[in-house]
Amino acid sequence: MKYLVVDDSKLARFSLVKSLKACVSEAEIIQATNGKEGVELVKSEKPDIVFLDLTMPIMDGYEALPLMLKLNPKLKVIIVSADVQEKAKTKVLELGAKLHIQKPINTDKMQKILELI
């Protein structure tokens, strides 16, 4: 399995990667700092699962999500965001995200996410 973590916060990426590594032993994890980089990595690296933040510079998660799914309609995208408004959650699920999870992610949350997808 190949995972892509897209977040402009270095600390958020570190935390998510640490939780992912604690739950999955054979994981290839790549990272991007904004949606544009994330879309390019979906194109070139072909990850199976993407953890995508919503609020980022250059290209946010709302813009990146449909572009990623256009490149790979079977891609599993999990939104990981501090924005927990119902409107945001509804929008990303309508755009094709599998889940919308509130930051921060710890090992327990990651285990539940991986069981759901």
C-alpha atoms as a PDB file:
ATOM      1  CA  MET A   1       0.000   0.000   0.000  1.00  0.00           C
ATOM      2  CA  LYS A   2       1.144   3.479  -0.823  1.00  0.00           C
ATOM      3  CA  TYR A   3      -0.079   6.441   1.222  1.00  0.00           C
ATOM      4  CA  LEU A   4       0.073  10.150   0.429  1.00  0.00           C
ATOM      5  CA  VAL A   5      -0.164  12.738   3.215  1.00  0.00           C
ATOM      6  CA  VAL A   6      -1.019  16.269   2.012  1.00  0.00           C
ATOM      7  CA  ASP A   7      -0.836  19.068   4.585  1.00  0.00           C
ATOM      8  CA  ASP A   8       0.935  22.425   4.721  1.00  0.00           C
ATOM      9  CA  SER A   9       1.717  21.924   8.422  1.00  0.00           C
ATOM     10  CA  LYS A  10       4.945  20.010   8.976  1.00  0.00           C
ATOM     11  CA  LEU A  11       3.779  19.085  12.489  1.00  0.00           C
ATOM     12  CA  ALA A  12       0.435  17.743  11.212  1.00  0.00           C
ATOM     13  CA  ARG A  13       2.210  15.657   8.540  1.00  0.00           C
ATOM     14  CA  PHE A  14       4.666  14.301  11.123  1.00  0.00           C
ATOM     15  CA  SER A  15       1.863  13.356  13.514  1.00  0.00           C
ATOM     16  CA  LEU A  16      -0.183  11.653  10.805  1.00  0.00           C
ATOM     17  CA  VAL A  17       2.811   9.740   9.407  1.00  0.00           C
ATOM     18  CA  LYS A  18       3.799   8.619  12.919  1.00  0.00           C
ATOM     19  CA  SER A  19       0.269   7.293  13.574  1.00  0.00           C
ATOM     20  CA  LEU A  20       0.147   5.588  10.185  1.00  0.00           C
ATOM     21  CA  LYS A  21       3.500   3.860  10.741  1.00  0.00           C
ATOM     22  CA  ALA A  22       2.293   2.644  14.145  1.00  0.00           C
ATOM     23  CA  CYS A  23      -0.723   0.971  12.487  1.00  0.00           C
ATOM     24  CA  VAL A  24       0.715  -0.290   9.195  1.00  0.00           C
ATOM     25  CA  SER A  25       4.025  -2.130   9.071  1.00  0.00           C
ATOM     26  CA  GLU A  26       4.531  -2.276   5.299  1.00  0.00           C
ATOM     27  CA  ALA A  27       3.614   1.260   4.318  1.00  0.00           C
ATOM     28  CA  GLU A  28       5.198   3.437   1.676  1.00  0.00           C
ATOM     29  CA  ILE A  29       4.398   7.011   2.702  1.00  0.00           C
ATOM     30  CA  ILE A  30       4.937  10.077   0.546  1.00  0.00           C
ATOM     31  CA  GLN A  31       4.200  13.674   1.494  1.00  0.00           C
ATOM     32  CA  ALA A  32       3.125  16.947  -0.112  1.00  0.00           C
ATOM     33  CA  THR A  33       2.833  20.455   1.350  1.00  0.00           C
ATOM     34  CA  ASN A  34      -0.144  21.658  -0.711  1.00  0.00           C
ATOM     35  CA  GLY A  35      -2.905  20.418  -2.991  1.00  0.00           C
ATOM     36  CA  LYS A  36      -0.999  21.115  -6.207  1.00  0.00           C
ATOM     37  CA  GLU A  37       1.932  18.966  -5.072  1.00  0.00           C
ATOM     38  CA  GLY A  38      -0.560  16.345  -3.947  1.00  0.00           C
ATOM     39  CA  VAL A  39      -2.254  16.186  -7.344  1.00  0.00           C
ATOM     40  CA  GLU A  40       1.146  15.843  -9.043  1.00  0.00           C
ATOM     41  CA  LEU A  41       2.085  12.993  -6.695  1.00  0.00           C
ATOM     42  CA  VAL A  42      -1.224  11.220  -7.347  1.00  0.00           C
ATOM     43  CA  LYS A  43      -0.340  11.413 -11.035  1.00  0.00           C
ATOM     44  CA  SER A  44       3.286  10.260 -10.714  1.00  0.00           C
ATOM     45  CA  GLU A  45       3.326   8.006  -7.624  1.00  0.00           C
ATOM     46  CA  LYS A  46      -0.170   6.472  -7.839  1.00  0.00           C
ATOM     47  CA  PRO A  47      -0.934   6.155  -4.103  1.00  0.00           C
ATOM     48  CA  ASP A  48      -3.776   3.940  -2.872  1.00  0.00           C
ATOM     49  CA  ILE A  49      -4.902   6.220  -0.043  1.00  0.00           C
ATOM     50  CA  VAL A  50      -4.605   9.986   0.428  1.00  0.00           C
ATOM     51  CA  PHE A  51      -4.901  11.901   3.692  1.00  0.00           C
ATOM     52  CA  LEU A  52      -5.804  15.438   2.585  1.00  0.00           C
ATOM     53  CA  ASP A  53      -6.014  18.688   4.546  1.00  0.00           C
ATOM     54  CA  LEU A  54      -8.527  21.309   3.395  1.00  0.00           C
ATOM     55  CA  THR A  55      -6.895  24.630   4.245  1.00  0.00           C
ATOM     56  CA  MET A  56      -3.572  25.022   2.408  1.00  0.00           C
ATOM     57  CA  PRO A  57      -1.841  27.623   0.257  1.00  0.00           C
ATOM     58  CA  ILE A  58      -1.464  27.351  -3.549  1.00  0.00           C
ATOM     59  CA  MET A  59      -4.258  24.750  -3.898  1.00  0.00           C
ATOM     60  CA  ASP A  60      -6.587  23.751  -1.069  1.00  0.00           C
ATOM     61  CA  GLY A  61      -8.165  20.369  -0.456  1.00  0.00           C
ATOM     62  CA  TYR A  62     -11.489  21.384  -2.003  1.00  0.00           C
ATOM     63  CA  GLU A  63      -9.726  22.062  -5.323  1.00  0.00           C
ATOM     64  CA  ALA A  64      -7.340  19.102  -5.112  1.00  0.00           C
ATOM     65  CA  LEU A  65      -9.908  16.425  -4.225  1.00  0.00           C
ATOM     66  CA  PRO A  66     -11.834  16.350  -7.534  1.00  0.00           C
ATOM     67  CA  LEU A  67      -8.589  16.565  -9.530  1.00  0.00           C
ATOM     68  CA  MET A  68      -7.152  13.599  -7.642  1.00  0.00           C
ATOM     69  CA  LEU A  69     -10.304  11.548  -8.186  1.00  0.00           C
ATOM     70  CA  LYS A  70     -10.324  12.446 -11.877  1.00  0.00           C
ATOM     71  CA  LEU A  71      -6.812  10.971 -12.135  1.00  0.00           C
ATOM     72  CA  ASN A  72      -7.849   7.863 -10.189  1.00  0.00           C
ATOM     73  CA  PRO A  73     -11.581   7.337  -9.544  1.00  0.00           C
ATOM     74  CA  LYS A  74     -10.789   4.397  -7.205  1.00  0.00           C
ATOM     75  CA  LEU A  75      -8.498   6.498  -4.987  1.00  0.00           C
ATOM     76  CA  LYS A  76      -9.504   6.544  -1.316  1.00  0.00           C
ATOM     77  CA  VAL A  77      -9.284  10.104   0.014  1.00  0.00           C
ATOM     78  CA  ILE A  78      -9.642  10.828   3.706  1.00  0.00           C
ATOM     79  CA  ILE A  79     -10.048  14.479   4.648  1.00  0.00           C
ATOM     80  CA  VAL A  80      -8.139  15.358   7.811  1.00  0.00           C
ATOM     81  CA  SER A  81      -9.044  18.880   8.848  1.00  0.00           C
ATOM     82  CA  ALA A  82      -9.592  21.197  11.774  1.00  0.00           C
ATOM     83  CA  ASP A  83     -12.679  22.459   9.907  1.00  0.00           C
ATOM     84  CA  VAL A  84     -15.452  20.361  11.442  1.00  0.00           C
ATOM     85  CA  GLN A  85     -18.383  22.415  10.207  1.00  0.00           C
ATOM     86  CA  GLU A  86     -21.182  20.264   8.817  1.00  0.00           C
ATOM     87  CA  LYS A  87     -21.094  22.295   5.591  1.00  0.00           C
ATOM     88  CA  ALA A  88     -17.421  21.389   4.999  1.00  0.00           C
ATOM     89  CA  LYS A  89     -18.016  17.721   5.809  1.00  0.00           C
ATOM     90  CA  THR A  90     -21.019  17.506   3.474  1.00  0.00           C
ATOM     91  CA  LYS A  91     -19.150  19.235   0.644  1.00  0.00           C
ATOM     92  CA  VAL A  92     -16.090  16.938   0.717  1.00  0.00           C
ATOM     93  CA  LEU A  93     -18.214  13.802   0.953  1.00  0.00           C
ATOM     94  CA  GLU A  94     -20.212  15.018  -2.063  1.00  0.00           C
ATOM     95  CA  LEU A  95     -16.919  15.620  -3.891  1.00  0.00           C
ATOM     96  CA  GLY A  96     -15.961  11.981  -3.314  1.00  0.00           C
ATOM     97  CA  ALA A  97     -13.985  11.801  -0.063  1.00  0.00           C
ATOM     98  CA  LYS A  98     -14.462   8.556   1.877  1.00  0.00           C
ATOM     99  CA  LEU A  99     -14.224  10.142   5.332  1.00  0.00           C
ATOM    100  CA  HIS A 100     -13.886  13.521   7.044  1.00  0.00           C
ATOM    101  CA  ILE A 101     -11.835  13.239  10.251  1.00  0.00           C
ATOM    102  CA  GLN A 102     -11.041  15.997  12.741  1.00  0.00           C
ATOM    103  CA  LYS A 103      -7.400  16.833  13.484  1.00  0.00           C
ATOM    104  CA  PRO A 104      -5.311  15.808  15.278  1.00  0.00           C
ATOM    105  CA  ILE A 105      -4.883  12.152  14.342  1.00  0.00           C
ATOM    106  CA  ASN A 106      -3.505   9.748  16.921  1.00  0.00           C
ATOM    107  CA  THR A 107      -2.863   6.013  16.688  1.00  0.00           C
ATOM    108  CA  ASP A 108      -6.351   5.069  17.949  1.00  0.00           C
ATOM    109  CA  LYS A 109      -8.054   7.327  15.403  1.00  0.00           C
ATOM    110  CA  MET A 110      -5.792   6.016  12.630  1.00  0.00           C
ATOM    111  CA  GLN A 111      -6.639   2.407  13.485  1.00  0.00           C
ATOM    112  CA  LYS A 112     -10.369   3.220  13.238  1.00  0.00           C
ATOM    113  CA  ILE A 113      -9.864   5.039   9.914  1.00  0.00           C
ATOM    114  CA  LEU A 114      -7.986   2.081   8.415  1.00  0.00           C
ATOM    115  CA  GLU A 115     -10.718  -0.311   9.593  1.00  0.00           C
ATOM    116  CA  LEU A 116     -13.412   1.841   7.940  1.00  0.00           C
ATOM    117  CA  ILE A 117     -11.760   2.080   4.545  1.00  0.00           C
END
